[in-house]
PDB file of N, CA and C in Angstrom:
ATOM      1  N   MET A   1     121.354  51.071 153.652  1.00  0.00           N
ATOM      2  CA  MET A   1     120.819  51.805 152.800  1.00  0.00           C
ATOM      3  C   MET A   1     121.403  53.003 152.825  1.00  0.00           C
ATOM      4  N   ARG A   2     121.745  53.746 152.180  1.00  0.00           N
ATOM      5  CA  ARG A   2     122.547  55.416 152.746  1.00  0.00           C
ATOM      6  C   ARG A   2     122.103  56.201 151.549  1.00  0.00           C
ATOM      7  N   ILE A   3     121.561  57.210 152.416  1.00  0.00           N
ATOM      8  CA  ILE A   3     120.666  58.761 151.459  1.00  0.00           C
ATOM      9  C   ILE A   3     122.269  59.519 151.214  1.00  0.00           C
ATOM     10  N   LEU A   4     122.372  59.998 150.143  1.00  0.00           N
ATOM     11  CA  LEU A   4     123.266  61.073 149.602  1.00  0.00           C
ATOM     12  C   LEU A   4     122.647  62.209 149.316  1.00  0.00           C
ATOM     13  N   ARG A   5     123.071  63.570 149.798  1.00  0.00           N
ATOM     14  CA  ARG A   5     122.891  64.273 149.814  1.00  0.00           C
ATOM     15  C   ARG A   5     123.387  64.984 148.101  1.00  0.00           C
ATOM     16  N   LEU A   6     122.857  65.900 147.793  1.00  0.00           N
ATOM     17  CA  LEU A   6     123.285  66.808 146.094  1.00  0.00           C
ATOM     18  C   LEU A   6     124.771  67.023 146.565  1.00  0.00           C
ATOM     19  N   LYS A   7     125.435  67.424 147.588  1.00  0.00           N
ATOM     20  CA  LYS A   7     127.002  67.376 147.638  1.00  0.00           C
ATOM     21  C   LYS A   7     127.694  66.653 147.521  1.00  0.00           C
ATOM     22  N   ASP A   8     127.058  65.582 148.244  1.00  0.00           N
ATOM     23  CA  ASP A   8     127.921  63.814 147.892  1.00  0.00           C
ATOM     24  C   ASP A   8     127.755  63.339 146.878  1.00  0.00           C
ATOM     25  N   VAL A   9     126.597  63.739 146.044  1.00  0.00           N
ATOM     26  CA  VAL A   9     126.372  63.005 144.611  1.00  0.00           C
ATOM     27  C   VAL A   9     127.576  63.778 143.869  1.00  0.00           C
ATOM     28  N   ILE A  10     127.417  65.191 143.372  1.00  0.00           N
ATOM     29  CA  ILE A  10     128.044  65.933 142.933  1.00  0.00           C
ATOM     30  C   ILE A  10     129.903  65.413 143.351  1.00  0.00           C
ATOM     31  N   SER A  11     130.016  65.003 144.408  1.00  0.00           N
ATOM     32  CA  SER A  11     131.329  65.011 144.879  1.00  0.00           C
ATOM     33  C   SER A  11     131.904  63.057 144.222  1.00  0.00           C
ATOM     34  N   GLN A  12     130.602  62.642 144.241  1.00  0.00           N
ATOM     35  CA  GLN A  12     131.142  61.225 143.667  1.00  0.00           C
ATOM     36  C   GLN A  12     131.288  60.981 142.439  1.00  0.00           C
ATOM     37  N   THR A  13     130.501  61.516 141.750  1.00  0.00           N
ATOM     38  CA  THR A  13     130.589  61.916 140.300  1.00  0.00           C
ATOM     39  C   THR A  13     131.104  63.104 139.593  1.00  0.00           C
ATOM     40  N   GLY A  14     131.522  63.689 139.775  1.00  0.00           N
ATOM     41  CA  GLY A  14     132.107  64.765 139.402  1.00  0.00           C
ATOM     42  C   GLY A  14     131.289  65.935 138.567  1.00  0.00           C
ATOM     43  N   LEU A  15     130.144  65.396 138.566  1.00  0.00           N
ATOM     44  CA  LEU A  15     129.039  65.903 137.867  1.00  0.00           C
ATOM     45  C   LEU A  15     128.636  67.370 138.343  1.00  0.00           C
ATOM     46  N   ALA A  16     128.442  68.414 137.750  1.00  0.00           N
ATOM     47  CA  ALA A  16     127.711  69.568 137.853  1.00  0.00           C
ATOM     48  C   ALA A  16     126.487  69.854 138.559  1.00  0.00           C
ATOM     49  N   ARG A  17     125.606  70.632 139.739  1.00  0.00           N
ATOM     50  CA  ARG A  17     124.090  70.481 139.886  1.00  0.00           C
ATOM     51  C   ARG A  17     123.651  70.517 138.653  1.00  0.00           C
ATOM     52  N   SER A  18     123.821  71.398 137.901  1.00  0.00           N
ATOM     53  CA  SER A  18     122.891  71.345 136.555  1.00  0.00           C
ATOM     54  C   SER A  18     122.945  70.281 135.875  1.00  0.00           C
ATOM     55  N   THR A  19     123.884  69.302 135.632  1.00  0.00           N
ATOM     56  CA  THR A  19     124.022  68.241 135.080  1.00  0.00           C
ATOM     57  C   THR A  19     123.075  67.238 135.480  1.00  0.00           C
ATOM     58  N   VAL A  20     123.631  67.232 136.691  1.00  0.00           N
ATOM     59  CA  VAL A  20     122.909  66.133 137.514  1.00  0.00           C
ATOM     60  C   VAL A  20     121.444  66.039 137.345  1.00  0.00           C
ATOM     61  N   TYR A  21     120.473  67.226 137.192  1.00  0.00           N
ATOM     62  CA  TYR A  21     118.927  67.561 137.065  1.00  0.00           C
ATOM     63  C   TYR A  21     118.803  67.587 135.718  1.00  0.00           C
ATOM     64  N   LYS A  22     119.709  68.068 134.751  1.00  0.00           N
ATOM     65  CA  LYS A  22     119.734  67.697 133.302  1.00  0.00           C
ATOM     66  C   LYS A  22     119.600  66.435 133.023  1.00  0.00           C
ATOM     67  N   TYR A  23     120.203  65.500 133.584  1.00  0.00           N
ATOM     68  CA  TYR A  23     120.543  63.870 133.278  1.00  0.00           C
ATOM     69  C   TYR A  23     119.203  63.135 133.930  1.00  0.00           C
ATOM     70  N   ILE A  24     118.647  63.668 135.026  1.00  0.00           N
ATOM     71  CA  ILE A  24     117.283  63.639 135.830  1.00  0.00           C
ATOM     72  C   ILE A  24     116.041  63.748 134.645  1.00  0.00           C
ATOM     73  N   ASP A  25     116.094  64.616 134.369  1.00  0.00           N
ATOM     74  CA  ASP A  25     114.852  65.074 133.413  1.00  0.00           C
ATOM     75  C   ASP A  25     115.293  64.559 132.030  1.00  0.00           C
ATOM     76  N   ALA A  26     116.455  63.720 131.096  1.00  0.00           N
ATOM     77  CA  ALA A  26     116.470  62.676 130.621  1.00  0.00           C
ATOM     78  C   ALA A  26     116.197  61.532 130.974  1.00  0.00           C
ATOM     79  N   ASP A  27     115.689  61.504 132.049  1.00  0.00           N
ATOM     80  CA  ASP A  27     115.467  60.076 132.554  1.00  0.00           C
ATOM     81  C   ASP A  27     116.766  58.979 132.196  1.00  0.00           C
ATOM     82  N   SER A  28     118.225  59.748 132.499  1.00  0.00           N
ATOM     83  CA  SER A  28     119.493  58.959 132.455  1.00  0.00           C
ATOM     84  C   SER A  28     119.981  59.059 133.205  1.00  0.00           C
ATOM     85  N   PHE A  29     119.626  59.458 134.733  1.00  0.00           N
ATOM     86  CA  PHE A  29     120.074  59.427 135.797  1.00  0.00           C
ATOM     87  C   PHE A  29     119.263  58.641 137.011  1.00  0.00           C
ATOM     88  N   PRO A  30     119.782  58.334 137.880  1.00  0.00           N
ATOM     89  CA  PRO A  30     118.867  58.304 139.455  1.00  0.00           C
ATOM     90  C   PRO A  30     117.737  59.156 140.209  1.00  0.00           C
ATOM     91  N   LYS A  31     116.524  58.955 139.655  1.00  0.00           N
ATOM     92  CA  LYS A  31     115.494  60.173 140.579  1.00  0.00           C
ATOM     93  C   LYS A  31     116.059  59.661 141.978  1.00  0.00           C
ATOM     94  N   PRO A  32     115.732  61.399 142.688  1.00  0.00           N
ATOM     95  CA  PRO A  32     115.726  61.766 144.101  1.00  0.00           C
ATOM     96  C   PRO A  32     114.769  61.320 145.003  1.00  0.00           C
ATOM     97  N   VAL A  33     115.070  60.494 146.187  1.00  0.00           N
ATOM     98  CA  VAL A  33     113.947  60.477 146.846  1.00  0.00           C
ATOM     99  C   VAL A  33     113.942  61.768 147.622  1.00  0.00           C
ATOM    100  N   PRO A  34     112.323  62.190 147.616  1.00  0.00           N
ATOM    101  CA  PRO A  34     111.995  63.095 148.622  1.00  0.00           C
ATOM    102  C   PRO A  34     112.214  62.640 150.246  1.00  0.00           C
ATOM    103  N   LEU A  35     112.896  63.593 151.032  1.00  0.00           N
ATOM    104  CA  LEU A  35     113.116  63.288 152.651  1.00  0.00           C
ATOM    105  C   LEU A  35     112.153  64.239 153.514  1.00  0.00           C
ATOM    106  N   GLY A  36     111.484  65.211 152.678  1.00  0.00           N
ATOM    107  CA  GLY A  36     110.580  66.196 153.632  1.00  0.00           C
ATOM    108  C   GLY A  36     110.984  67.771 153.257  1.00  0.00           C
ATOM    109  N   GLY A  37     109.648  68.397 153.267  1.00  0.00           N
ATOM    110  CA  GLY A  37     109.989  69.677 152.841  1.00  0.00           C
ATOM    111  C   GLY A  37     110.338  69.998 151.108  1.00  0.00           C
ATOM    112  N   ARG A  38     111.260  70.826 150.861  1.00  0.00           N
ATOM    113  CA  ARG A  38     111.873  70.557 150.417  1.00  0.00           C
ATOM    114  C   ARG A  38     113.470  70.322 149.709  1.00  0.00           C
ATOM    115  N   SER A  39     113.711  69.238 150.614  1.00  0.00           N
ATOM    116  CA  SER A  39     114.970  67.894 150.981  1.00  0.00           C
ATOM    117  C   SER A  39     114.921  66.574 150.166  1.00  0.00           C
ATOM    118  N   VAL A  40     115.813  66.039 149.286  1.00  0.00           N
ATOM    119  CA  VAL A  40     115.844  65.373 148.424  1.00  0.00           C
ATOM    120  C   VAL A  40     117.242  64.561 149.001  1.00  0.00           C
ATOM    121  N   GLY A  41     116.979  63.682 148.651  1.00  0.00           N
ATOM    122  CA  GLY A  41     118.458  62.752 148.641  1.00  0.00           C
ATOM    123  C   GLY A  41     118.225  61.361 147.819  1.00  0.00           C
ATOM    124  N   TRP A  42     119.369  60.814 147.056  1.00  0.00           N
ATOM    125  CA  TRP A  42     119.582  60.008 146.470  1.00  0.00           C
ATOM    126  C   TRP A  42     120.410  58.529 147.060  1.00  0.00           C
ATOM    127  N   VAL A  43     119.952  57.555 146.591  1.00  0.00           N
ATOM    128  CA  VAL A  43     120.175  55.917 146.953  1.00  0.00           C
ATOM    129  C   VAL A  43     121.567  55.760 146.752  1.00  0.00           C
ATOM    130  N   GLU A  44     122.644  55.913 147.667  1.00  0.00           N
ATOM    131  CA  GLU A  44     123.889  55.447 147.568  1.00  0.00           C
ATOM    132  C   GLU A  44     124.138  54.330 146.478  1.00  0.00           C
ATOM    133  N   SER A  45     123.466  53.629 146.624  1.00  0.00           N
ATOM    134  CA  SER A  45     123.395  52.162 145.853  1.00  0.00           C
ATOM    135  C   SER A  45     123.219  52.458 144.295  1.00  0.00           C
ATOM    136  N   GLU A  46     122.625  53.243 143.850  1.00  0.00           N
ATOM    137  CA  GLU A  46     121.976  53.785 142.867  1.00  0.00           C
ATOM    138  C   GLU A  46     122.754  54.485 142.299  1.00  0.00           C
ATOM    139  N   ILE A  47     123.378  55.583 142.535  1.00  0.00           N
ATOM    140  CA  ILE A  47     124.431  56.345 142.274  1.00  0.00           C
ATOM    141  C   ILE A  47     125.684  55.741 141.990  1.00  0.00           C
ATOM    142  N   GLN A  48     126.263  54.651 142.752  1.00  0.00           N
ATOM    143  CA  GLN A  48     127.009  53.809 142.943  1.00  0.00           C
ATOM    144  C   GLN A  48     127.175  52.950 141.184  1.00  0.00           C
ATOM    145  N   GLY A  49     125.563  52.401 141.205  1.00  0.00           N
ATOM    146  CA  GLY A  49     125.162  51.720 139.617  1.00  0.00           C
ATOM    147  C   GLY A  49     124.932  52.426 139.118  1.00  0.00           C
ATOM    148  N   TRP A  50     125.034  53.813 138.908  1.00  0.00           N
ATOM    149  CA  TRP A  50     125.217  54.633 137.600  1.00  0.00           C
ATOM    150  C   TRP A  50     126.505  54.922 136.792  1.00  0.00           C
ATOM    151  N   ILE A  51     127.258  54.636 137.955  1.00  0.00           N
ATOM    152  CA  ILE A  51     128.903  54.913 137.787  1.00  0.00           C
ATOM    153  C   ILE A  51     129.299  53.585 137.194  1.00  0.00           C
ATOM    154  N   ALA A  52     129.037  52.706 137.612  1.00  0.00           N
ATOM    155  CA  ALA A  52     129.263  50.925 137.351  1.00  0.00           C
ATOM    156  C   ALA A  52     128.968  51.290 135.781  1.00  0.00           C
ATOM    157  N   GLU A  53     127.998  51.652 135.114  1.00  0.00           N
ATOM    158  CA  GLU A  53     127.400  51.093 133.934  1.00  0.00           C
ATOM    159  C   GLU A  53     127.755  52.351 132.897  1.00  0.00           C
ATOM    160  N   ARG A  54     128.313  53.290 133.141  1.00  0.00           N
ATOM    161  CA  ARG A  54     129.678  54.492 132.404  1.00  0.00           C
ATOM    162  C   ARG A  54     130.601  54.024 132.360  1.00  0.00           C
ATOM    163  N   ILE A  55     131.272  53.095 133.502  1.00  0.00           N
ATOM    164  CA  ILE A  55     132.361  52.722 133.413  1.00  0.00           C
ATOM    165  C   ILE A  55     132.511  51.321 132.472  1.00  0.00           C
ATOM    166  N   GLU A  56     131.151  50.993 132.804  1.00  0.00           N
ATOM    167  CA  GLU A  56     131.385  49.418 131.692  1.00  0.00           C
ATOM    168  C   GLU A  56     130.809  49.867 130.291  1.00  0.00           C
ATOM    169  N   ARG A  57     130.476  51.015 130.077  1.00  0.00           N
ATOM    170  CA  ARG A  57     130.100  51.306 128.642  1.00  0.00           C
ATOM    171  C   ARG A  57     131.093  52.103 128.470  1.00  0.00           C
ATOM    172  N   ARG A  58     131.910  52.643 128.676  1.00  0.00           N
ATOM    173  CA  ARG A  58     133.606  52.662 128.244  1.00  0.00           C
ATOM    174  C   ARG A  58     134.331  51.779 128.134  1.00  0.00           C
ATOM    175  N   ASP A  59     134.201  50.571 128.951  1.00  0.00           N
ATOM    176  CA  ASP A  59     135.112  49.484 128.541  1.00  0.00           C
ATOM    177  C   ASP A  59     134.733  49.045 127.239  1.00  0.00           C
ATOM    178  N   ILE A  60     133.370  48.819 126.693  1.00  0.00           N
ATOM    179  CA  ILE A  60     133.154  48.239 125.531  1.00  0.00           C
ATOM    180  C   ILE A  60     133.051  48.958 124.801  1.00  0.00           C
ATOM    181  N   GLU A  61     132.977  50.042 124.667  1.00  0.00           N
ATOM    182  CA  GLU A  61     133.562  51.210 123.387  1.00  0.00           C
ATOM    183  C   GLU A  61     134.847  51.135 123.133  1.00  0.00           C
ATOM    184  N   ALA A  62     135.724  50.980 124.291  1.00  0.00           N
ATOM    185  CA  ALA A  62     136.970  50.659 124.021  1.00  0.00           C
ATOM    186  C   ALA A  62     137.762  49.789 123.513  1.00  0.00           C
ATOM    187  N   ALA A  63     136.514  48.498 123.604  1.00  0.00           N
ATOM    188  CA  ALA A  63     137.145  47.122 123.163  1.00  0.00           C
ATOM    189  C   ALA A  63     136.825  47.145 121.414  1.00  0.00           C
ATOM    190  N   ARG A  64     135.885  48.052 120.792  1.00  0.00           N
ATOM    191  CA  ARG A  64     136.138  48.228 119.769  1.00  0.00           C
ATOM    192  C   ARG A  64     136.857  48.702 118.792  1.00  0.00           C
TER     193      ARG A  64
END
């Protein structure tokens, strides 16, 4: 299991920092894991799953 910091999440998803937190507030993005102090990270497999869901949704919509 690997924990990603925000810059890695941004790099993998292509989202801006503000968009990541907007999606978290809307319950449509994986929640960060507290790492101590003010540090947070995201579980890599959850981020990859979120990306896979977006691809799957795109493919389903394209098939319509």
